[in-house]
C-alpha atoms as a PDB file:
ATOM      1  CA  UNK A   1      84.454  -8.585  36.045  1.00  0.00           C
ATOM      2  CA  UNK A   2      81.681 -11.492  34.695  1.00  0.00           C
ATOM      3  CA  UNK A   3      82.999 -14.854  35.368  1.00  0.00           C
ATOM      4  CA  UNK A   4      82.452 -17.509  33.404  1.00  0.00           C
ATOM      5  CA  UNK A   5      79.732 -19.218  34.648  1.00  0.00           C
ATOM      6  CA  UNK A   6      77.298 -16.310  35.004  1.00  0.00           C
ATOM      7  CA  UNK A   7      77.753 -15.220  31.011  1.00  0.00           C
ATOM      8  CA  UNK A   8      77.097 -19.164  30.159  1.00  0.00           C
ATOM      9  CA  UNK A   9      74.103 -18.588  31.785  1.00  0.00           C
ATOM     10  CA  UNK A  10      73.252 -15.024  30.350  1.00  0.00           C
ATOM     11  CA  UNK A  11      73.861 -16.698  26.777  1.00  0.00           C
ATOM     12  CA  UNK A  12      71.594 -19.737  27.240  1.00  0.00           C
ATOM     13  CA  UNK A  13      69.089 -17.514  28.088  1.00  0.00           C
ATOM     14  CA  UNK A  14      69.476 -15.423  25.721  1.00  0.00           C
ATOM     15  CA  UNK A  15      69.298 -18.432  22.848  1.00  0.00           C
ATOM     16  CA  UNK A  16      66.240 -20.022  24.946  1.00  0.00           C
ATOM     17  CA  UNK A  17      64.476 -16.889  23.871  1.00  0.00           C
ATOM     18  CA  UNK A  18      65.188 -16.567  20.327  1.00  0.00           C
ATOM     19  CA  UNK A  19      64.454 -20.311  19.255  1.00  0.00           C
ATOM     20  CA  UNK A  20      60.774 -19.287  21.402  1.00  0.00           C
ATOM     21  CA  UNK A  21      60.335 -16.239  18.938  1.00  0.00           C
ATOM     22  CA  UNK A  22      61.616 -18.115  15.593  1.00  0.00           C
ATOM     23  CA  UNK A  23      58.564 -20.662  16.769  1.00  0.00           C
ATOM     24  CA  UNK A  24      56.352 -17.827  17.317  1.00  0.00           C
ATOM     25  CA  UNK A  25      57.095 -16.409  13.956  1.00  0.00           C
ATOM     26  CA  UNK A  26      56.533 -20.364  12.517  1.00  0.00           C
ATOM     27  CA  UNK A  27      53.281 -20.638  13.787  1.00  0.00           C
ATOM     28  CA  UNK A  28      52.054 -17.378  12.202  1.00  0.00           C
ATOM     29  CA  UNK A  29      53.798 -18.398   8.693  1.00  0.00           C
ATOM     30  CA  UNK A  30      51.877 -21.772   8.939  1.00  0.00           C
ATOM     31  CA  UNK A  31      48.909 -22.934   7.565  1.00  0.00           C
ATOM     32  CA  UNK A  32      46.870 -25.803   7.727  1.00  0.00           C
ATOM     33  CA  UNK A  33      44.793 -27.565  10.912  1.00  0.00           C
ATOM     34  CA  UNK A  34      46.692 -25.134  13.573  1.00  0.00           C
ATOM     35  CA  UNK A  35      45.527 -22.085  12.171  1.00  0.00           C
ATOM     36  CA  UNK A  36      41.926 -23.431  11.800  1.00  0.00           C
ATOM     37  CA  UNK A  37      41.886 -23.874   7.696  1.00  0.00           C
ATOM     38  CA  UNK A  38      40.413 -27.101   6.291  1.00  0.00           C
ATOM     39  CA  UNK A  39      42.586 -28.497   3.781  1.00  0.00           C
ATOM     40  CA  UNK A  40      40.983 -27.751  -0.199  1.00  0.00           C
ATOM     41  CA  UNK A  41      39.278 -31.405  -1.150  1.00  0.00           C
ATOM     42  CA  UNK A  42      39.048 -30.776  -5.300  1.00  0.00           C
ATOM     43  CA  UNK A  43      36.716 -33.912  -5.240  1.00  0.00           C
ATOM     44  CA  UNK A  44      34.531 -32.247  -2.180  1.00  0.00           C
ATOM     45  CA  UNK A  45      34.283 -29.023  -3.998  1.00  0.00           C
ATOM     46  CA  UNK A  46      33.253 -30.342  -7.071  1.00  0.00           C
ATOM     47  CA  UNK A  47      30.055 -31.730  -5.663  1.00  0.00           C
ATOM     48  CA  UNK A  48      29.018 -28.878  -3.973  1.00  0.00           C
ATOM     49  CA  UNK A  49      29.622 -26.506  -7.252  1.00  0.00           C
ATOM     50  CA  UNK A  50      27.472 -29.380  -8.897  1.00  0.00           C
ATOM     51  CA  UNK A  51      24.642 -29.237  -6.037  1.00  0.00           C
ATOM     52  CA  UNK A  52      24.515 -25.584  -6.261  1.00  0.00           C
ATOM     53  CA  UNK A  53      24.607 -25.371  -9.974  1.00  0.00           C
ATOM     54  CA  UNK A  54      21.203 -28.127  -9.626  1.00  0.00           C
ATOM     55  CA  UNK A  55      19.840 -25.764  -7.098  1.00  0.00           C
ATOM     56  CA  UNK A  56      19.872 -22.566  -9.324  1.00  0.00           C
ATOM     57  CA  UNK A  57      17.835 -24.029 -12.094  1.00  0.00           C
ATOM     58  CA  UNK A  58      15.628 -25.829  -9.668  1.00  0.00           C
ATOM     59  CA  UNK A  59      14.763 -22.336  -8.106  1.00  0.00           C
ATOM     60  CA  UNK A  60      14.470 -20.672 -11.537  1.00  0.00           C
ATOM     61  CA  UNK A  61      12.394 -23.719 -12.692  1.00  0.00           C
ATOM     62  CA  UNK A  62      10.142 -23.293  -9.886  1.00  0.00           C
ATOM     63  CA  UNK A  63       9.751 -18.938  -9.634  1.00  0.00           C
ATOM     64  CA  UNK A  64       8.633 -19.688 -13.909  1.00  0.00           C
ATOM     65  CA  UNK A  65       5.779 -22.139 -12.889  1.00  0.00           C
ATOM     66  CA  UNK A  66       5.055 -20.190  -9.609  1.00  0.00           C
ATOM     67  CA  UNK A  67       4.981 -16.954 -12.448  1.00  0.00           C
ATOM     68  CA  UNK A  68       2.584 -18.941 -14.779  1.00  0.00           C
ATOM     69  CA  UNK A  69       0.198 -20.266 -12.522  1.00  0.00           C
ATOM     70  CA  UNK A  70      -0.063 -16.650 -11.242  1.00  0.00           C
ATOM     71  CA  UNK A  71      -0.445 -15.083 -14.446  1.00  0.00           C
ATOM     72  CA  UNK A  72      -2.808 -17.440 -15.940  1.00  0.00           C
ATOM     73  CA  UNK A  73      -4.977 -19.354 -12.757  1.00  0.00           C
ATOM     74  CA  UNK A  74      -4.736 -17.138  -9.618  1.00  0.00           C
ATOM     75  CA  UNK A  75      -5.234 -13.944 -11.837  1.00  0.00           C
ATOM     76  CA  UNK A  76      -8.068 -14.340 -14.026  1.00  0.00           C
ATOM     77  CA  UNK A  77     -10.384 -15.098 -10.607  1.00  0.00           C
ATOM     78  CA  UNK A  78      -8.826 -12.177  -8.599  1.00  0.00           C
ATOM     79  CA  UNK A  79     -10.326  -9.011  -8.795  1.00  0.00           C
ATOM     80  CA  UNK A  80      -8.011  -5.387  -9.164  1.00  0.00           C
ATOM     81  CA  UNK A  81      -9.723  -4.811  -5.237  1.00  0.00           C
ATOM     82  CA  UNK A  82      -7.963  -8.028  -4.351  1.00  0.00           C
ATOM     83  CA  UNK A  83      -4.967  -7.955  -6.537  1.00  0.00           C
ATOM     84  CA  UNK A  84      -2.388  -7.835  -2.908  1.00  0.00           C
ATOM     85  CA  UNK A  85      -2.266 -11.701  -3.200  1.00  0.00           C
ATOM     86  CA  UNK A  86      -0.985 -11.546  -6.908  1.00  0.00           C
ATOM     87  CA  UNK A  87       2.359 -10.940  -4.966  1.00  0.00           C
ATOM     88  CA  UNK A  88       2.237 -12.057  -1.498  1.00  0.00           C
ATOM     89  CA  UNK A  89       0.915 -15.733  -2.564  1.00  0.00           C
ATOM     90  CA  UNK A  90       4.395 -16.106  -5.072  1.00  0.00           C
ATOM     91  CA  UNK A  91       6.547 -14.257  -2.489  1.00  0.00           C
ATOM     92  CA  UNK A  92       4.756 -16.680  -0.202  1.00  0.00           C
ATOM     93  CA  UNK A  93       6.278 -19.643  -2.039  1.00  0.00           C
ATOM     94  CA  UNK A  94      10.058 -19.063  -0.880  1.00  0.00           C
ATOM     95  CA  UNK A  95       9.012 -21.077   2.341  1.00  0.00           C
ATOM     96  CA  UNK A  96       8.275 -24.114  -0.145  1.00  0.00           C
ATOM     97  CA  UNK A  97      11.898 -23.849  -1.909  1.00  0.00           C
ATOM     98  CA  UNK A  98      13.677 -26.194   0.949  1.00  0.00           C
ATOM     99  CA  UNK A  99      10.884 -28.804   0.615  1.00  0.00           C
ATOM    100  CA  UNK A 100      10.985 -29.059  -3.147  1.00  0.00           C
ATOM    101  CA  UNK A 101      14.897 -29.407  -2.930  1.00  0.00           C
ATOM    102  CA  UNK A 102      14.244 -32.519  -0.433  1.00  0.00           C
ATOM    103  CA  UNK A 103      11.330 -33.842  -3.169  1.00  0.00           C
ATOM    104  CA  UNK A 104      13.418 -33.386  -5.918  1.00  0.00           C
ATOM    105  CA  UNK A 105      17.427 -33.480  -5.722  1.00  0.00           C
ATOM    106  CA  UNK A 106      19.035 -36.647  -4.169  1.00  0.00           C
ATOM    107  CA  UNK A 107      19.993 -37.071  -1.247  1.00  0.00           C
ATOM    108  CA  UNK A 108      24.164 -36.543  -2.099  1.00  0.00           C
ATOM    109  CA  UNK A 109      22.949 -32.884  -3.184  1.00  0.00           C
ATOM    110  CA  UNK A 110      21.031 -32.152  -0.287  1.00  0.00           C
ATOM    111  CA  UNK A 111      23.341 -33.150   2.376  1.00  0.00           C
ATOM    112  CA  UNK A 112      25.457 -29.654   0.914  1.00  0.00           C
ATOM    113  CA  UNK A 113      23.090 -27.501   0.766  1.00  0.00           C
ATOM    114  CA  UNK A 114      23.251 -25.190   3.925  1.00  0.00           C
ATOM    115  CA  UNK A 115      21.220 -22.039   5.114  1.00  0.00           C
ATOM    116  CA  UNK A 116      23.271 -20.028   2.211  1.00  0.00           C
ATOM    117  CA  UNK A 117      21.951 -21.817  -0.026  1.00  0.00           C
ATOM    118  CA  UNK A 118      18.260 -20.702   1.235  1.00  0.00           C
ATOM    119  CA  UNK A 119      19.340 -17.397   1.432  1.00  0.00           C
ATOM    120  CA  UNK A 120      20.764 -17.176  -2.187  1.00  0.00           C
ATOM    121  CA  UNK A 121      17.463 -19.387  -3.206  1.00  0.00           C
ATOM    122  CA  UNK A 122      15.201 -17.324  -1.458  1.00  0.00           C
ATOM    123  CA  UNK A 123      17.011 -13.888  -3.278  1.00  0.00           C
ATOM    124  CA  UNK A 124      16.617 -15.683  -6.398  1.00  0.00           C
ATOM    125  CA  UNK A 125      13.147 -16.483  -6.389  1.00  0.00           C
ATOM    126  CA  UNK A 126      12.101 -13.279  -5.431  1.00  0.00           C
ATOM    127  CA  UNK A 127      13.963 -11.448  -8.635  1.00  0.00           C
ATOM    128  CA  UNK A 128      13.254 -14.107 -11.318  1.00  0.00           C
ATOM    129  CA  UNK A 129       8.981 -13.908  -9.841  1.00  0.00           C
ATOM    130  CA  UNK A 130       9.533 -10.084 -10.239  1.00  0.00           C
ATOM    131  CA  UNK A 131      11.282  -9.955 -14.037  1.00  0.00           C
ATOM    132  CA  UNK A 132       8.710 -13.021 -14.791  1.00  0.00           C
ATOM    133  CA  UNK A 133       5.472 -10.884 -13.655  1.00  0.00           C
ATOM    134  CA  UNK A 134       6.826  -7.928 -15.549  1.00  0.00           C
ATOM    135  CA  UNK A 135       6.606  -9.775 -18.725  1.00  0.00           C
ATOM    136  CA  UNK A 136       3.366 -11.896 -18.208  1.00  0.00           C
ATOM    137  CA  UNK A 137       0.970  -8.141 -17.084  1.00  0.00           C
ATOM    138  CA  UNK A 138       2.531  -6.215 -19.878  1.00  0.00           C
ATOM    139  CA  UNK A 139       1.877  -6.432 -23.785  1.00  0.00           C
ATOM    140  CA  UNK A 140       1.687  -8.670 -25.571  1.00  0.00           C
ATOM    141  CA  UNK A 141       1.214 -10.954 -23.122  1.00  0.00           C
ATOM    142  CA  UNK A 142      -1.508  -8.982 -20.735  1.00  0.00           C
ATOM    143  CA  UNK A 143      -2.929  -5.655 -20.611  1.00  0.00           C
ATOM    144  CA  UNK A 144      -3.869  -4.488 -16.706  1.00  0.00           C
ATOM    145  CA  UNK A 145      -3.701  -0.477 -17.437  1.00  0.00           C
ATOM    146  CA  UNK A 146      -6.100   1.520 -18.891  1.00  0.00           C
ATOM    147  CA  UNK A 147      -5.791   3.866 -21.464  1.00  0.00           C
ATOM    148  CA  UNK A 148      -4.367   7.518 -20.329  1.00  0.00           C
ATOM    149  CA  UNK A 149      -4.894  11.206 -21.473  1.00  0.00           C
ATOM    150  CA  UNK A 150      -2.519  11.218 -24.610  1.00  0.00           C
ATOM    151  CA  UNK A 151      -1.529  15.220 -23.774  1.00  0.00           C
ATOM    152  CA  UNK A 152      -4.243  17.844 -23.019  1.00  0.00           C
ATOM    153  CA  UNK A 153      -7.929  18.870 -22.992  1.00  0.00           C
ATOM    154  CA  UNK A 154      -9.493  22.109 -24.585  1.00  0.00           C
ATOM    155  CA  UNK A 155     -12.651  23.168 -24.627  1.00  0.00           C
ATOM    156  CA  UNK A 156     -14.759  24.809 -28.102  1.00  0.00           C
ATOM    157  CA  UNK A 157     -17.058  26.872 -27.990  1.00  0.00           C
ATOM    158  CA  UNK A 158     -19.207  26.950 -30.938  1.00  0.00           C
ATOM    159  CA  UNK A 159     -21.357  29.849 -31.600  1.00  0.00           C
ATOM    160  CA  UNK A 160     -23.755  29.107 -35.125  1.00  0.00           C
ATOM    161  CA  UNK A 161     -20.437  27.494 -36.697  1.00  0.00           C
ATOM    162  CA  UNK A 162     -18.076  29.982 -35.111  1.00  0.00           C
ATOM    163  CA  UNK A 163     -15.159  28.293 -32.778  1.00  0.00           C
ATOM    164  CA  UNK A 164     -13.563  29.716 -30.314  1.00  0.00           C
ATOM    165  CA  UNK A 165     -11.121  27.539 -27.952  1.00  0.00           C
ATOM    166  CA  UNK A 166     -10.458  27.851 -24.401  1.00  0.00           C
ATOM    167  CA  UNK A 167      -7.302  30.348 -23.477  1.00  0.00           C
ATOM    168  CA  UNK A 168      -4.880  27.414 -22.403  1.00  0.00           C
ATOM    169  CA  UNK A 169      -4.828  23.984 -22.554  1.00  0.00           C
ATOM    170  CA  UNK A 170      -4.902  21.565 -19.091  1.00  0.00           C
ATOM    171  CA  UNK A 171      -3.447  17.890 -18.315  1.00  0.00           C
ATOM    172  CA  UNK A 172      -5.303  18.132 -15.262  1.00  0.00           C
ATOM    173  CA  UNK A 173      -6.969  20.621 -12.684  1.00  0.00           C
ATOM    174  CA  UNK A 174      -9.103  23.332 -14.476  1.00  0.00           C
ATOM    175  CA  UNK A 175      -9.773  25.822 -16.819  1.00  0.00           C
ATOM    176  CA  UNK A 176     -11.467  29.452 -16.714  1.00  0.00           C
ATOM    177  CA  UNK A 177     -13.439  31.099 -19.581  1.00  0.00           C
ATOM    178  CA  UNK A 178     -13.926  34.973 -19.175  1.00  0.00           C
ATOM    179  CA  UNK A 179     -17.444  35.620 -20.197  1.00  0.00           C
ATOM    180  CA  UNK A 180     -18.592  39.920 -20.406  1.00  0.00           C
ATOM    181  CA  UNK A 181     -20.766  41.076 -17.223  1.00  0.00           C
ATOM    182  CA  UNK A 182     -24.423  40.212 -16.636  1.00  0.00           C
ATOM    183  CA  UNK A 183     -23.779  37.533 -19.823  1.00  0.00           C
ATOM    184  CA  UNK A 184     -23.361  33.264 -19.665  1.00  0.00           C
ATOM    185  CA  UNK A 185     -20.957  31.249 -21.830  1.00  0.00           C
ATOM    186  CA  UNK A 186     -23.489  31.039 -24.499  1.00  0.00           C
ATOM    187  CA  UNK A 187     -23.173  28.477 -27.513  1.00  0.00           C
ATOM    188  CA  UNK A 188     -22.713  24.824 -27.505  1.00  0.00           C
ATOM    189  CA  UNK A 189     -19.499  23.983 -25.432  1.00  0.00           C
ATOM    190  CA  UNK A 190     -17.397  20.619 -26.560  1.00  0.00           C
ATOM    191  CA  UNK A 191     -14.965  18.938 -24.651  1.00  0.00           C
ATOM    192  CA  UNK A 192     -11.639  17.329 -26.766  1.00  0.00           C
ATOM    193  CA  UNK A 193      -9.289  14.983 -25.613  1.00  0.00           C
ATOM    194  CA  UNK A 194      -7.406  11.847 -27.079  1.00  0.00           C
ATOM    195  CA  UNK A 195      -6.603   9.177 -25.487  1.00  0.00           C
ATOM    196  CA  UNK A 196      -2.892   6.872 -25.700  1.00  0.00           C
ATOM    197  CA  UNK A 197      -2.710   3.478 -24.874  1.00  0.00           C
ATOM    198  CA  UNK A 198       0.074   0.525 -25.868  1.00  0.00           C
ATOM    199  CA  UNK A 199      -2.624  -1.830 -27.311  1.00  0.00           C
ATOM    200  CA  UNK A 200      -5.976  -1.997 -28.720  1.00  0.00           C
ATOM    201  CA  UNK A 201      -5.879   2.111 -28.856  1.00  0.00           C
ATOM    202  CA  UNK A 202     -10.027   1.834 -30.049  1.00  0.00           C
ATOM    203  CA  UNK A 203     -10.996  -0.159 -27.291  1.00  0.00           C
ATOM    204  CA  UNK A 204     -11.705   2.323 -24.619  1.00  0.00           C
ATOM    205  CA  UNK A 205     -15.139   3.205 -23.708  1.00  0.00           C
ATOM    206  CA  UNK A 206     -15.685   6.739 -21.739  1.00  0.00           C
ATOM    207  CA  UNK A 207     -18.280   8.238 -18.949  1.00  0.00           C
ATOM    208  CA  UNK A 208     -18.469  11.434 -18.513  1.00  0.00           C
ATOM    209  CA  UNK A 209     -20.513  13.148 -15.957  1.00  0.00           C
ATOM    210  CA  UNK A 210     -21.102  16.901 -15.788  1.00  0.00           C
ATOM    211  CA  UNK A 211     -22.033  18.568 -12.280  1.00  0.00           C
ATOM    212  CA  UNK A 212     -22.846  22.101 -12.063  1.00  0.00           C
ATOM    213  CA  UNK A 213     -26.086  24.035 -10.383  1.00  0.00           C
ATOM    214  CA  UNK A 214     -28.430  22.187 -12.655  1.00  0.00           C
ATOM    215  CA  UNK A 215     -27.438  18.627 -11.012  1.00  0.00           C
ATOM    216  CA  UNK A 216     -25.328  15.602 -12.514  1.00  0.00           C
ATOM    217  CA  UNK A 217     -25.457  15.011 -16.365  1.00  0.00           C
ATOM    218  CA  UNK A 218     -24.078  11.901 -18.017  1.00  0.00           C
ATOM    219  CA  UNK A 219     -22.893  12.622 -21.624  1.00  0.00           C
ATOM    220  CA  UNK A 220     -22.277  10.622 -24.341  1.00  0.00           C
ATOM    221  CA  UNK A 221     -19.687  11.384 -26.851  1.00  0.00           C
ATOM    222  CA  UNK A 222     -19.563  12.230 -30.541  1.00  0.00           C
ATOM    223  CA  UNK A 223     -17.172  11.201 -32.644  1.00  0.00           C
ATOM    224  CA  UNK A 224     -18.478  13.292 -35.817  1.00  0.00           C
ATOM    225  CA  UNK A 225     -17.635  16.252 -34.121  1.00  0.00           C
ATOM    226  CA  UNK A 226     -14.289  15.769 -34.211  1.00  0.00           C
ATOM    227  CA  UNK A 227     -14.245  14.272 -37.830  1.00  0.00           C
ATOM    228  CA  UNK A 228     -16.193  17.039 -39.471  1.00  0.00           C
ATOM    229  CA  UNK A 229     -13.836  19.709 -37.686  1.00  0.00           C
ATOM    230  CA  UNK A 230     -10.313  18.007 -37.697  1.00  0.00           C
ATOM    231  CA  UNK A 231      -8.922  20.919 -39.769  1.00  0.00           C
ATOM    232  CA  UNK A 232     -10.162  23.245 -37.461  1.00  0.00           C
ATOM    233  CA  UNK A 233      -9.113  21.275 -34.300  1.00  0.00           C
ATOM    234  CA  UNK A 234      -5.606  20.600 -35.390  1.00  0.00           C
ATOM    235  CA  UNK A 235      -5.341  24.149 -36.085  1.00  0.00           C
ATOM    236  CA  UNK A 236      -6.161  25.854 -33.017  1.00  0.00           C
ATOM    237  CA  UNK A 237      -5.284  23.033 -30.651  1.00  0.00           C
ATOM    238  CA  UNK A 238      -1.582  22.393 -31.865  1.00  0.00           C
ATOM    239  CA  UNK A 239      -0.065  25.392 -31.075  1.00  0.00           C
ATOM    240  CA  UNK A 240      -2.403  27.529 -28.232  1.00  0.00           C
ATOM    241  CA  UNK A 241       0.060  29.296 -26.515  1.00  0.00           C
ATOM    242  CA  UNK A 242       2.312  30.135 -29.688  1.00  0.00           C
ATOM    243  CA  UNK A 243       5.244  28.824 -28.915  1.00  0.00           C
ATOM    244  CA  UNK A 244       7.568  25.741 -30.748  1.00  0.00           C
ATOM    245  CA  UNK A 245       7.063  23.473 -26.987  1.00  0.00           C
ATOM    246  CA  UNK A 246       2.984  23.647 -26.852  1.00  0.00           C
ATOM    247  CA  UNK A 247       1.472  19.844 -27.316  1.00  0.00           C
ATOM    248  CA  UNK A 248      -1.509  18.755 -29.407  1.00  0.00           C
ATOM    249  CA  UNK A 249      -4.402  16.676 -27.915  1.00  0.00           C
ATOM    250  CA  UNK A 250      -3.363  14.113 -30.434  1.00  0.00           C
ATOM    251  CA  UNK A 251       0.508  13.995 -30.481  1.00  0.00           C
ATOM    252  CA  UNK A 252       0.775  10.043 -31.741  1.00  0.00           C
ATOM    253  CA  UNK A 253      -1.695  10.775 -34.490  1.00  0.00           C
ATOM    254  CA  UNK A 254      -3.721   7.888 -35.326  1.00  0.00           C
ATOM    255  CA  UNK A 255      -2.162   5.861 -32.644  1.00  0.00           C
ATOM    256  CA  UNK A 256      -4.794   7.683 -30.413  1.00  0.00           C
ATOM    257  CA  UNK A 257      -8.311   7.522 -29.896  1.00  0.00           C
ATOM    258  CA  UNK A 258     -10.246  10.981 -30.228  1.00  0.00           C
ATOM    259  CA  UNK A 259     -13.462  12.296 -27.868  1.00  0.00           C
ATOM    260  CA  UNK A 260     -15.375  14.902 -28.011  1.00  0.00           C
ATOM    261  CA  UNK A 261     -18.320  15.097 -25.417  1.00  0.00           C
ATOM    262  CA  UNK A 262     -20.995  18.177 -25.328  1.00  0.00           C
ATOM    263  CA  UNK A 263     -21.253  19.732 -22.033  1.00  0.00           C
ATOM    264  CA  UNK A 264     -24.446  21.599 -22.501  1.00  0.00           C
ATOM    265  CA  UNK A 265     -25.505  24.669 -24.370  1.00  0.00           C
ATOM    266  CA  UNK A 266     -25.336  28.204 -23.000  1.00  0.00           C
ATOM    267  CA  UNK A 267     -23.315  27.228 -19.499  1.00  0.00           C
ATOM    268  CA  UNK A 268     -24.118  29.697 -17.021  1.00  0.00           C
ATOM    269  CA  UNK A 269     -21.585  31.201 -14.457  1.00  0.00           C
ATOM    270  CA  UNK A 270     -20.121  29.159 -11.968  1.00  0.00           C
ATOM    271  CA  UNK A 271     -18.099  26.083 -11.487  1.00  0.00           C
ATOM    272  CA  UNK A 272     -19.066  23.168 -13.628  1.00  0.00           C
ATOM    273  CA  UNK A 273     -17.249  19.786 -12.810  1.00  0.00           C
ATOM    274  CA  UNK A 274     -16.419  17.243 -15.402  1.00  0.00           C
ATOM    275  CA  UNK A 275     -15.501  13.732 -14.412  1.00  0.00           C
ATOM    276  CA  UNK A 276     -14.393  11.494 -16.912  1.00  0.00           C
ATOM    277  CA  UNK A 277     -14.247   7.764 -16.410  1.00  0.00           C
ATOM    278  CA  UNK A 278     -12.114   5.433 -18.623  1.00  0.00           C
ATOM    279  CA  UNK A 279     -12.957   1.399 -19.343  1.00  0.00           C
ATOM    280  CA  UNK A 280     -11.351  -1.154 -21.292  1.00  0.00           C
ATOM    281  CA  UNK A 281     -11.323  -4.577 -21.636  1.00  0.00           C
ATOM    282  CA  UNK A 282      -8.124  -5.595 -20.449  1.00  0.00           C
ATOM    283  CA  UNK A 283      -6.412  -8.839 -20.134  1.00  0.00           C
ATOM    284  CA  UNK A 284      -7.517 -10.771 -17.820  1.00  0.00           C
ATOM    285  CA  UNK A 285      -9.456  -8.054 -16.076  1.00  0.00           C
ATOM    286  CA  UNK A 286     -11.487  -4.671 -17.339  1.00  0.00           C
ATOM    287  CA  UNK A 287      -9.362  -2.203 -16.774  1.00  0.00           C
ATOM    288  CA  UNK A 288     -10.236   1.786 -15.492  1.00  0.00           C
ATOM    289  CA  UNK A 289      -9.084   5.219 -15.197  1.00  0.00           C
ATOM    290  CA  UNK A 290     -10.692   8.912 -13.553  1.00  0.00           C
ATOM    291  CA  UNK A 291      -9.624  12.380 -14.467  1.00  0.00           C
ATOM    292  CA  UNK A 292     -11.752  14.876 -12.797  1.00  0.00           C
ATOM    293  CA  UNK A 293     -11.124  18.425 -14.398  1.00  0.00           C
ATOM    294  CA  UNK A 294     -13.115  21.993 -13.909  1.00  0.00           C
ATOM    295  CA  UNK A 295     -14.616  24.383 -15.844  1.00  0.00           C
ATOM    296  CA  UNK A 296     -15.319  27.739 -14.449  1.00  0.00           C
ATOM    297  CA  UNK A 297     -17.024  30.681 -15.829  1.00  0.00           C
ATOM    298  CA  UNK A 298     -16.424  33.808 -14.501  1.00  0.00           C
ATOM    299  CA  UNK A 299     -17.035  37.527 -15.866  1.00  0.00           C
ATOM    300  CA  UNK A 300     -14.706  39.335 -17.193  1.00  0.00           C
ATOM    301  CA  UNK A 301     -13.642  42.009 -15.050  1.00  0.00           C
ATOM    302  CA  UNK A 302     -14.144  45.837 -16.084  1.00  0.00           C
ATOM    303  CA  UNK A 303     -11.072  47.273 -17.696  1.00  0.00           C
ATOM    304  CA  UNK A 304     -11.710  50.771 -15.682  1.00  0.00           C
ATOM    305  CA  UNK A 305     -11.865  50.603 -11.950  1.00  0.00           C
ATOM    306  CA  UNK A 306     -12.473  52.975  -9.633  1.00  0.00           C
ATOM    307  CA  UNK A 307      -9.832  53.989  -7.386  1.00  0.00           C
END
């Protein structure tokens, strides 16, 4: 049996507990200051959006000016060896962005800028500069890369008007020419190759050095040899490996620049090192590129070897 006073006390405790639980539930659903959420102020929101937009355009304009100064003021006064400053200095200009905002923007905008603004501005400046630099140093606005090998290089033996081409074409590395036992590579030996460039096709100059047991020799290009024997060269270099996928010396036709260099006459057995240095007056500085190739003249092994 439960008396009336005990029942009423239990009901009172139960009611207080239920009211407390309902209060907690309302606190969970409540929004506003009690939950740390600031009330939305449309006027302040619009002002902040205007300030952020103005900051974006200011950073873009700042990055464009820095890129133009790099390309047309700093770059012509810098050598290739010291070209690191061309991107280090513009990227270091990130630290000037807050000061530029204080100098250009009204005080009402500067009051709204935070650390997040400078963080976003830094990324925007970096990628804007990289995009502008790519446009300014490549054709048609610039040229900082020397011509490169159009495809392959090949060797030709001219022995009394009879042409023999090397067995294979090289892109880099070495080519091997086999001769009969106790003989040398007779006749005139020519090095043929083409150069490709995205601008100023005929502006490349080359310096060729041949190094072997006889010493180092500076060689010159003879354009007449290629012109006089263009048909023979095309027939023998277009499909040397007898496959449809073999490369040509001049895959881009008239867009490539042809070179023919006389390596010498009656080359002896051994290794002949060929160093080709390419020069081109680019924009704004002179561009260079170097290739190192080898010609190995070896004796042909006899067919019947003693067992």
